[in-house]
C-alpha atoms as a PDB file:
ATOM      1  CA  MET A   1      80.235 116.884 135.946  1.00  0.00           C
ATOM      2  CA  ILE A   2      77.157 116.592 133.694  1.00  0.00           C
ATOM      3  CA  GLY A   3      78.253 119.767 131.920  1.00  0.00           C
ATOM      4  CA  LYS A   4      81.641 118.255 131.020  1.00  0.00           C
ATOM      5  CA  ILE A   5      80.014 115.088 129.672  1.00  0.00           C
ATOM      6  CA  LEU A   6      77.544 117.079 127.581  1.00  0.00           C
ATOM      7  CA  THR A   7      80.324 119.314 126.265  1.00  0.00           C
ATOM      8  CA  ARG A   8      82.348 116.275 125.166  1.00  0.00           C
ATOM      9  CA  LEU A   9      79.314 114.618 123.569  1.00  0.00           C
ATOM     10  CA  PHE A  10      78.455 117.761 121.603  1.00  0.00           C
ATOM     11  CA  ALA A  11      82.103 118.082 120.564  1.00  0.00           C
ATOM     12  CA  LEU A  12      82.053 114.472 119.315  1.00  0.00           C
ATOM     13  CA  PHE A  13      78.839 115.024 117.334  1.00  0.00           C
ATOM     14  CA  GLY A  14      80.248 118.255 115.950  1.00  0.00           C
ATOM     15  CA  MET A  15      83.391 116.470 114.737  1.00  0.00           C
ATOM     16  CA  THR A  16      81.285 113.745 113.126  1.00  0.00           C
ATOM     17  CA  LEU A  17      79.209 116.313 111.242  1.00  0.00           C
ATOM     18  CA  THR A  18      82.355 118.176 110.211  1.00  0.00           C
ATOM     19  CA  CYS A  19      83.875 114.967 108.780  1.00  0.00           C
ATOM     20  CA  VAL A  20      80.710 114.193 106.804  1.00  0.00           C
ATOM     21  CA  ALA A  21      80.566 117.769 105.517  1.00  0.00           C
ATOM     22  CA  CYS A  22      84.239 117.721 104.464  1.00  0.00           C
ATOM     23  CA  TYR A  23      84.483 114.222 103.015  1.00  0.00           C
ATOM     24  CA  GLY A  24      80.902 113.529 101.996  1.00  0.00           C
ATOM     25  CA  VAL A  25      78.820 110.432 102.298  1.00  0.00           C
ATOM     26  CA  PRO A  26      80.030 107.331 100.449  1.00  0.00           C
ATOM     27  CA  GLU A  27      78.262 106.865  97.118  1.00  0.00           C
ATOM     28  CA  ALA A  28      77.175 103.714  95.373  1.00  0.00           C
ATOM     29  CA  GLU A  29      79.917 101.706  93.683  1.00  0.00           C
ATOM     30  CA  TYR A  30      80.470 102.380  89.970  1.00  0.00           C
ATOM     31  CA  GLN A  31      78.416  99.998  87.825  1.00  0.00           C
ATOM     32  CA  PRO A  32      79.614  99.970  84.208  1.00  0.00           C
ATOM     33  CA  ALA A  33      77.118  99.415  81.419  1.00  0.00           C
ATOM     34  CA  TRP A  34      79.422  97.010  79.531  1.00  0.00           C
ATOM     35  CA  ARG A  35      81.832  94.257  80.560  1.00  0.00           C
ATOM     36  CA  ALA A  36      83.988  92.090  78.342  1.00  0.00           C
ATOM     37  CA  ASN A  37      86.551  89.371  78.841  1.00  0.00           C
ATOM     38  CA  GLY A  38      88.489  87.149  76.516  1.00  0.00           C
ATOM     39  CA  ARG A  39      91.940  86.442  75.154  1.00  0.00           C
ATOM     40  CA  VAL A  40      94.074  88.226  72.540  1.00  0.00           C
ATOM     41  CA  VAL A  41      95.957  85.891  70.188  1.00  0.00           C
ATOM     42  CA  ASP A  42      98.048  86.092  67.015  1.00  0.00           C
ATOM     43  CA  PRO A  43      97.092  84.282  63.756  1.00  0.00           C
ATOM     44  CA  GLU A  44      98.849  81.124  65.023  1.00  0.00           C
ATOM     45  CA  GLY A  45      96.740  81.112  68.212  1.00  0.00           C
ATOM     46  CA  GLU A  46      99.581  82.209  70.526  1.00  0.00           C
ATOM     47  CA  ALA A  47      98.769  84.655  73.332  1.00  0.00           C
ATOM     48  CA  ILE A  48      99.748  88.306  72.847  1.00  0.00           C
ATOM     49  CA  LYS A  49     100.618  90.214  76.007  1.00  0.00           C
ATOM     50  CA  GLY A  50     100.622  93.990  76.373  1.00  0.00           C
ATOM     51  CA  ILE A  51      97.788  94.783  73.953  1.00  0.00           C
ATOM     52  CA  LYS A  52      95.904  97.902  75.084  1.00  0.00           C
ATOM     53  CA  VAL A  53      92.203  97.129  75.488  1.00  0.00           C
ATOM     54  CA  VAL A  54      89.910 100.184  75.622  1.00  0.00           C
ATOM     55  CA  LEU A  55      86.219 100.186  76.513  1.00  0.00           C
ATOM     56  CA  GLY A  56      84.913 103.751  76.562  1.00  0.00           C
ATOM     57  CA  ASP A  57      87.207 105.887  78.720  1.00  0.00           C
ATOM     58  CA  ILE A  58      88.676 102.922  80.593  1.00  0.00           C
ATOM     59  CA  LYS A  59      91.737 101.009  79.405  1.00  0.00           C
ATOM     60  CA  THR A  60      93.545  97.859  80.470  1.00  0.00           C
ATOM     61  CA  TYR A  61      96.171  95.556  78.949  1.00  0.00           C
ATOM     62  CA  SER A  62      96.221  91.891  78.028  1.00  0.00           C
ATOM     63  CA  GLY A  63      98.247  89.760  80.449  1.00  0.00           C
ATOM     64  CA  GLU A  64     101.011  87.205  79.863  1.00  0.00           C
ATOM     65  CA  ASP A  65      98.406  84.641  78.777  1.00  0.00           C
ATOM     66  CA  GLY A  66      96.662  87.173  76.496  1.00  0.00           C
ATOM     67  CA  ARG A  67      93.649  87.395  78.810  1.00  0.00           C
ATOM     68  CA  PHE A  68      91.887  90.675  79.498  1.00  0.00           C
ATOM     69  CA  TYR A  69      88.912  91.948  81.458  1.00  0.00           C
ATOM     70  CA  ALA A  70      87.426  95.315  80.576  1.00  0.00           C
ATOM     71  CA  MET A  71      84.447  97.379  81.669  1.00  0.00           C
ATOM     72  CA  GLY A  72      83.115 100.741  80.570  1.00  0.00           C
ATOM     73  CA  ASP A  73      80.159 102.803  79.412  1.00  0.00           C
ATOM     74  CA  THR A  74      80.206 102.218  75.642  1.00  0.00           C
ATOM     75  CA  PRO A  75      79.748  98.970  73.690  1.00  0.00           C
ATOM     76  CA  TYR A  76      82.845  99.536  71.532  1.00  0.00           C
ATOM     77  CA  LEU A  77      85.911  97.513  72.492  1.00  0.00           C
ATOM     78  CA  LYS A  78      89.206  98.506  70.867  1.00  0.00           C
ATOM     79  CA  PHE A  79      92.475  96.539  70.757  1.00  0.00           C
ATOM     80  CA  GLU A  80      95.706  98.386  70.047  1.00  0.00           C
ATOM     81  CA  ASP A  81      99.354  97.274  69.955  1.00  0.00           C
ATOM     82  CA  VAL A  82     101.230 100.035  71.765  1.00  0.00           C
ATOM     83  CA  ASP A  83     104.613  98.395  72.349  1.00  0.00           C
ATOM     84  CA  GLY A  84     105.542  97.469  68.766  1.00  0.00           C
ATOM     85  CA  GLU A  85     107.949  94.532  68.474  1.00  0.00           C
ATOM     86  CA  GLU A  86     108.168  93.844  72.229  1.00  0.00           C
ATOM     87  CA  ASN A  87     105.270  91.374  72.157  1.00  0.00           C
ATOM     88  CA  GLY A  88     106.421  89.351  69.150  1.00  0.00           C
ATOM     89  CA  GLY A  89     105.514  91.678  66.295  1.00  0.00           C
ATOM     90  CA  GLU A  90     103.464  94.675  65.352  1.00  0.00           C
ATOM     91  CA  PHE A  91      99.736  94.024  65.213  1.00  0.00           C
ATOM     92  CA  GLU A  92      96.854  95.831  63.520  1.00  0.00           C
ATOM     93  CA  SER A  93      94.300  97.627  65.693  1.00  0.00           C
ATOM     94  CA  HIS A  94      90.902  95.965  65.917  1.00  0.00           C
ATOM     95  CA  MET A  95      87.483  97.124  67.153  1.00  0.00           C
ATOM     96  CA  ILE A  96      84.373  95.128  67.971  1.00  0.00           C
ATOM     97  CA  ASP A  97      80.832  96.083  68.951  1.00  0.00           C
ATOM     98  CA  LEU A  98      79.629  94.384  72.140  1.00  0.00           C
ATOM     99  CA  SER A  99      75.935  95.058  71.443  1.00  0.00           C
ATOM    100  CA  GLY A 100      74.065  91.795  71.817  1.00  0.00           C
ATOM    101  CA  SER A 101      77.039  90.141  73.525  1.00  0.00           C
ATOM    102  CA  ASP A 102      77.024  88.587  76.988  1.00  0.00           C
ATOM    103  CA  GLY A 103      80.547  89.878  77.653  1.00  0.00           C
ATOM    104  CA  GLU A 104      82.436  86.614  77.074  1.00  0.00           C
ATOM    105  CA  ILE A 105      83.951  87.160  73.641  1.00  0.00           C
ATOM    106  CA  GLY A 106      86.496  84.333  73.475  1.00  0.00           C
ATOM    107  CA  ASN A 107      89.638  84.719  71.382  1.00  0.00           C
ATOM    108  CA  ILE A 108      90.334  87.939  69.493  1.00  0.00           C
ATOM    109  CA  THR A 109      92.820  87.314  66.703  1.00  0.00           C
ATOM    110  CA  LEU A 110      94.963  90.295  65.725  1.00  0.00           C
ATOM    111  CA  SER A 111      96.623  90.373  62.294  1.00  0.00           C
ATOM    112  CA  ARG A 112     100.277  91.256  61.939  1.00  0.00           C
ATOM    113  CA  LYS A 113     101.135  94.552  60.231  1.00  0.00           C
ATOM    114  CA  GLU A 114     102.607  94.149  56.758  1.00  0.00           C
END
């Protein structure tokens, strides 16, 4: 009886060690060096949706209200119109340096392409 219990316990511990060896131990959550949030607008102050926002290797898009939240490992934030006329016109790309910023950058106004 004791032998069966010990066998099952060792089997359980063996499976636990196998799972840790195969899948690893959870690591700390990713902590980006830079974060930025704001709103993308046109020269008239209207929200622009669908603008690609890139911070380092990570990209996101502005929402219906023009708002975005980005995080990454470099201080350079780039805005790029990737859908052309779908969002009310074609807009120029724009880049800003987040150095010295607290992350809240307010409105970013993109110029229309000529």
